[in-house]
Structures are given as C-alpha cells and as structure tokens.
N, C-alpha and C. Protein backbone atom coordinates (compact mmCIF):
# COMPACT_ATOMS: atom_id res chain seq x y z
N MET A 1 0.73 -1.38 0.22
CA MET A 1 0.01 -0.09 0.05
C MET A 1 1.01 1.21 -0.18
N PRO A 2 0.79 2.28 -0.71
CA PRO A 2 1.64 3.38 -1.30
C PRO A 2 1.13 4.31 0.41
N HIS A 3 2.21 5.00 0.66
CA HIS A 3 2.51 5.85 1.74
C HIS A 3 2.04 7.47 1.45
N ILE A 4 1.63 8.09 2.26
CA ILE A 4 1.58 9.62 2.33
C ILE A 4 2.34 10.56 3.85
N THR A 5 2.63 11.40 3.58
CA THR A 5 2.94 12.13 4.78
C THR A 5 1.80 13.40 5.00
N LEU A 6 1.41 13.53 5.99
CA LEU A 6 0.99 14.72 6.37
C LEU A 6 1.58 15.44 7.33
N SER A 7 1.51 16.61 7.21
CA SER A 7 1.54 17.80 8.38
C SER A 7 0.43 18.28 9.28
N ILE A 8 1.04 18.38 10.75
CA ILE A 8 -0.09 18.76 11.30
C ILE A 8 0.62 19.23 12.47
N PRO A 9 -0.55 20.63 13.20
CA PRO A 9 -0.08 21.33 14.12
C PRO A 9 0.42 20.34 15.05
N GLU A 10 1.53 21.24 16.04
CA GLU A 10 1.91 20.33 17.17
C GLU A 10 0.73 19.98 18.36
N GLU A 11 0.11 21.06 18.30
CA GLU A 11 -1.13 20.94 19.12
C GLU A 11 -1.89 19.88 19.03
N LEU A 12 -2.56 19.58 17.87
CA LEU A 12 -3.06 18.32 17.20
C LEU A 12 -2.28 17.01 17.63
N LEU A 13 -0.92 17.20 17.18
CA LEU A 13 0.01 15.70 17.42
C LEU A 13 0.09 15.82 19.01
N GLU A 14 0.28 16.75 19.75
CA GLU A 14 0.14 16.26 21.22
C GLU A 14 -1.51 15.39 21.86
N ARG A 15 -2.52 16.14 21.33
CA ARG A 15 -3.68 15.08 21.51
C ARG A 15 -3.84 14.08 20.70
N MET A 16 -3.15 13.85 19.97
CA MET A 16 -3.26 12.41 19.53
C MET A 16 -2.71 11.82 20.03
N LYS A 17 -1.35 11.99 20.91
CA LYS A 17 -0.34 11.03 21.47
C LYS A 17 -0.97 11.00 22.61
N ARG A 18 -2.11 11.37 23.09
CA ARG A 18 -3.13 10.91 24.65
C ARG A 18 -3.78 9.97 24.23
N HIS A 19 -4.19 9.38 23.13
CA HIS A 19 -4.56 8.50 22.47
C HIS A 19 -3.75 7.15 21.74
N PRO A 20 -3.06 6.70 22.27
CA PRO A 20 -1.98 5.52 21.74
C PRO A 20 -2.95 4.86 20.99
N GLU A 21 -3.82 4.24 21.80
CA GLU A 21 -4.73 3.03 21.59
C GLU A 21 -5.23 3.24 19.90
N ILE A 22 -5.52 4.19 19.52
CA ILE A 22 -5.74 4.60 17.80
C ILE A 22 -4.99 4.68 17.34
N LYS A 23 -5.44 3.85 16.11
CA LYS A 23 -4.46 4.22 14.75
C LYS A 23 -5.14 4.96 13.70
N TRP A 24 -3.76 6.33 13.80
CA TRP A 24 -4.19 7.58 13.33
C TRP A 24 -4.53 7.17 11.64
N SER A 25 -3.68 6.31 11.46
CA SER A 25 -3.81 6.40 9.94
C SER A 25 -5.00 5.59 9.28
N GLU A 26 -5.45 4.78 9.81
CA GLU A 26 -6.98 4.38 9.95
C GLU A 26 -7.75 5.45 9.84
N VAL A 27 -7.86 5.93 10.50
CA VAL A 27 -9.02 7.55 10.81
C VAL A 27 -8.62 8.29 9.67
N ALA A 28 -7.19 8.81 9.25
CA ALA A 28 -7.11 9.27 7.86
C ALA A 28 -7.77 8.75 6.78
N ARG A 29 -7.50 7.80 6.60
CA ARG A 29 -7.88 6.62 5.41
C ARG A 29 -9.32 6.81 5.18
N ARG A 30 -10.25 6.61 6.47
CA ARG A 30 -11.38 6.54 6.66
C ARG A 30 -12.09 8.56 6.11
N ALA A 31 -11.60 8.96 6.70
CA ALA A 31 -11.44 10.48 6.83
C ALA A 31 -11.48 11.00 5.03
N ILE A 32 -10.37 10.52 4.31
CA ILE A 32 -10.12 10.83 3.47
C ILE A 32 -11.11 10.06 1.88
N ARG A 33 -11.61 8.83 2.88
CA ARG A 33 -12.23 8.54 1.78
C ARG A 33 -13.83 8.22 2.03
N ARG A 34 -14.20 8.90 2.85
CA ARG A 34 -15.31 9.68 2.91
C ARG A 34 -15.59 11.12 2.43
N TYR A 35 -14.46 12.02 2.45
CA TYR A 35 -14.22 13.15 1.76
C TYR A 35 -14.58 12.74 0.15
N LEU A 36 -13.86 12.00 -0.42
CA LEU A 36 -13.78 11.61 -1.67
C LEU A 36 -15.08 10.80 -1.99
N MET A 37 -15.74 10.60 -1.37
CA MET A 37 -17.33 9.96 -1.51
C MET A 37 -18.39 11.02 -1.60
N GLU A 38 -18.13 11.90 -0.65
CA GLU A 38 -18.97 13.24 -0.71
C GLU A 38 -18.70 14.20 -2.35
N LEU A 39 -17.29 14.17 -2.25
CA LEU A 39 -17.25 14.81 -3.29
C LEU A 39 -17.77 14.52 -4.76
N GLU A 40 -17.64 13.10 -5.11
CA GLU A 40 -17.83 12.78 -5.96
C GLU A 40 -19.44 12.35 -5.97
N ASP A 41 -19.62 12.41 -4.86
CA ASP A 41 -21.32 12.10 -4.83
C ASP A 41 -21.89 10.84 -5.13
N GLU A 42 -21.10 9.88 -4.17
CA GLU A 42 -21.10 8.15 -4.24
C GLU A 42 -21.55 8.01 -2.79
N VAL A 43 -22.05 8.76 -1.62
CA VAL A 43 -22.36 8.20 -0.63
C VAL A 43 -23.51 7.62 -0.54
N SER A 44 -23.37 6.32 0.02
CA SER A 44 -24.70 5.69 0.47
C SER A 44 -25.10 5.12 1.98
N GLY A 45 -25.93 5.12 2.16
CA GLY A 45 -26.11 4.75 3.69
C GLY A 45 -25.65 3.52 4.10
N GLU A 46 -25.69 2.59 3.15
CA GLU A 46 -24.54 1.05 3.97
C GLU A 46 -23.38 1.88 4.06
N GLU A 47 -22.83 2.80 3.17
CA GLU A 47 -21.49 2.75 3.33
C GLU A 47 -20.68 3.64 4.53
N ILE A 48 -22.00 4.39 4.73
CA ILE A 48 -22.22 5.39 5.94
C ILE A 48 -22.12 4.90 7.25
N LEU A 49 -22.86 3.81 7.20
CA LEU A 49 -22.85 3.04 8.37
C LEU A 49 -21.81 1.98 8.79
N GLU A 50 -21.19 1.74 7.75
CA GLU A 50 -19.91 1.09 7.51
C GLU A 50 -18.61 1.73 8.50
N GLU A 51 -18.78 3.12 8.30
CA GLU A 51 -17.95 3.68 8.32
C GLU A 51 -18.09 3.98 10.53
N LEU A 52 -18.93 3.65 10.44
CA LEU A 52 -19.68 4.17 12.05
C LEU A 52 -18.97 3.10 13.11
N PRO A 53 -18.31 3.69 14.21
CA PRO A 53 -17.84 2.78 15.25
C PRO A 53 -18.93 1.86 15.61
N LYS A 54 -18.34 0.43 16.22
CA LYS A 54 -19.35 -0.45 16.84
C LYS A 54 -20.09 0.21 18.07
N GLU A 55 -19.69 0.78 18.46
CA GLU A 55 -20.91 0.93 19.62
C GLU A 55 -22.24 2.12 18.95
N ILE A 56 -22.22 2.78 18.24
CA ILE A 56 -22.60 3.94 17.26
C ILE A 56 -23.77 2.78 16.79
N LYS A 57 -23.13 1.80 15.47
CA LYS A 57 -24.06 0.54 15.11
C LYS A 57 -24.75 -0.13 16.15
N GLU A 58 -24.16 -0.11 17.12
CA GLU A 58 -25.31 -0.83 18.23
C GLU A 58 -26.72 -0.30 18.57
N LYS A 59 -26.09 1.07 18.87
CA LYS A 59 -27.10 1.95 19.30
C LYS A 59 -27.82 2.50 18.18
N ILE A 60 -27.69 2.37 16.85
CA ILE A 60 -28.83 2.25 15.83
C ILE A 60 -29.59 1.09 15.45
N GLU A 61 -29.26 0.10 15.61
CA GLU A 61 -29.91 -1.35 16.05
C GLU A 61 -30.77 -1.15 17.02
N LYS A 62 -30.65 -0.21 18.09
CA LYS A 62 -31.52 -0.46 19.08
C LYS A 62 -32.89 0.30 18.88
N LEU A 63 -32.78 1.49 18.04
CA LEU A 63 -33.39 2.28 18.00
C LEU A 63 -34.98 2.23 17.59
N ASP A 64 -36.10 2.62 17.87
CA ASP A 64 -37.24 2.67 17.51
C ASP A 64 -37.35 3.07 16.24
N TRP A 65 -37.42 2.51 14.94
CA TRP A 65 -37.71 3.37 13.47
C TRP A 65 -38.67 3.64 13.30
N LYS A 66 -39.82 3.14 13.91
CA LYS A 66 -41.39 3.89 13.46
C LYS A 66 -41.59 5.06 14.40
N ARG A 67 -41.29 4.78 15.47
CA ARG A 67 -41.20 6.29 16.00
C ARG A 67 -40.26 7.43 15.62
N PHE A 68 -39.22 7.20 15.47
CA PHE A 68 -38.15 7.66 14.69
C PHE A 68 -38.90 8.55 13.63
N SER A 69 -39.18 7.98 12.58
CA SER A 69 -39.48 8.52 11.28
C SER A 69 -40.86 8.84 11.57
N GLU A 70 -41.86 8.82 12.35
CA GLU A 70 -43.04 9.57 12.67
C GLU A 70 -42.66 10.87 13.29
N ARG A 71 -41.22 10.71 13.97
CA ARG A 71 -41.05 12.43 14.51
C ARG A 71 -40.36 13.13 13.37
N VAL A 72 -39.59 12.47 12.48
CA VAL A 72 -39.07 13.41 11.12
C VAL A 72 -40.45 14.07 10.12
N VAL A 73 -40.98 13.12 9.93
CA VAL A 73 -42.66 13.75 9.68
C VAL A 73 -43.33 15.12 10.36
N GLU A 74 -43.19 15.00 11.32
CA GLU A 74 -43.83 15.74 12.42
C GLU A 74 -42.93 17.14 12.34
N LEU A 75 -41.47 16.91 12.63
CA LEU A 75 -40.64 18.09 12.33
C LEU A 75 -40.58 18.65 11.13
N ARG A 76 -40.75 17.86 10.12
CA ARG A 76 -41.08 18.40 8.80
C ARG A 76 -42.22 19.13 8.51
N ASN A 77 -43.36 18.83 9.33
CA ASN A 77 -44.72 19.55 8.97
C ASN A 77 -44.96 20.64 9.90
N HIS A 78 -43.68 21.24 10.43
CA HIS A 78 -43.53 22.19 11.36
C HIS A 78 -42.55 23.34 10.76
N ARG A 79 -42.34 23.29 9.85
CA ARG A 79 -41.27 24.15 8.90
C ARG A 79 -42.17 25.25 8.58
C-alpha cells in the first residue's frame, strides 16, 4: 500500500499522543475515503453505516425506527 505524509499542527499531535490506542492512519484513511465519496456524490447509507464505530452501530440497531420516522415527519410539517 502506498504511503503519504501529513503535516499537522503540534497541538494536534500532542492531543493524538494522548490516545495511543487509536490507529491514526486508519482514521485518516477513512476520512479521506469519506471526503472523496461526498465530493464525487457517491455516498450511500450502507457505506456511512459501515464507517461508524461499533458502539454507534449497536445504538442504531436499538432505535425505534417507526417512532423516529414519525418524529421526522412531525418536524418537517412544523417548518
């Protein structure tokens, strides 16, 4: 896999160092992929869900989608 070099502010680097458990190259790779998908208008709901952390995916699966969609319609009607 090819490599790239990023320049970041010192303050950002210091904050990143406080989280050594994070694979920052993966964070950058996902951000670049997401940005390109948005730029090229290729974003699908499944792709967005795929990028989410496991904890958020689990919360989404527990949502009451019927109530959620009713609330969205309700909010749209109040514009």
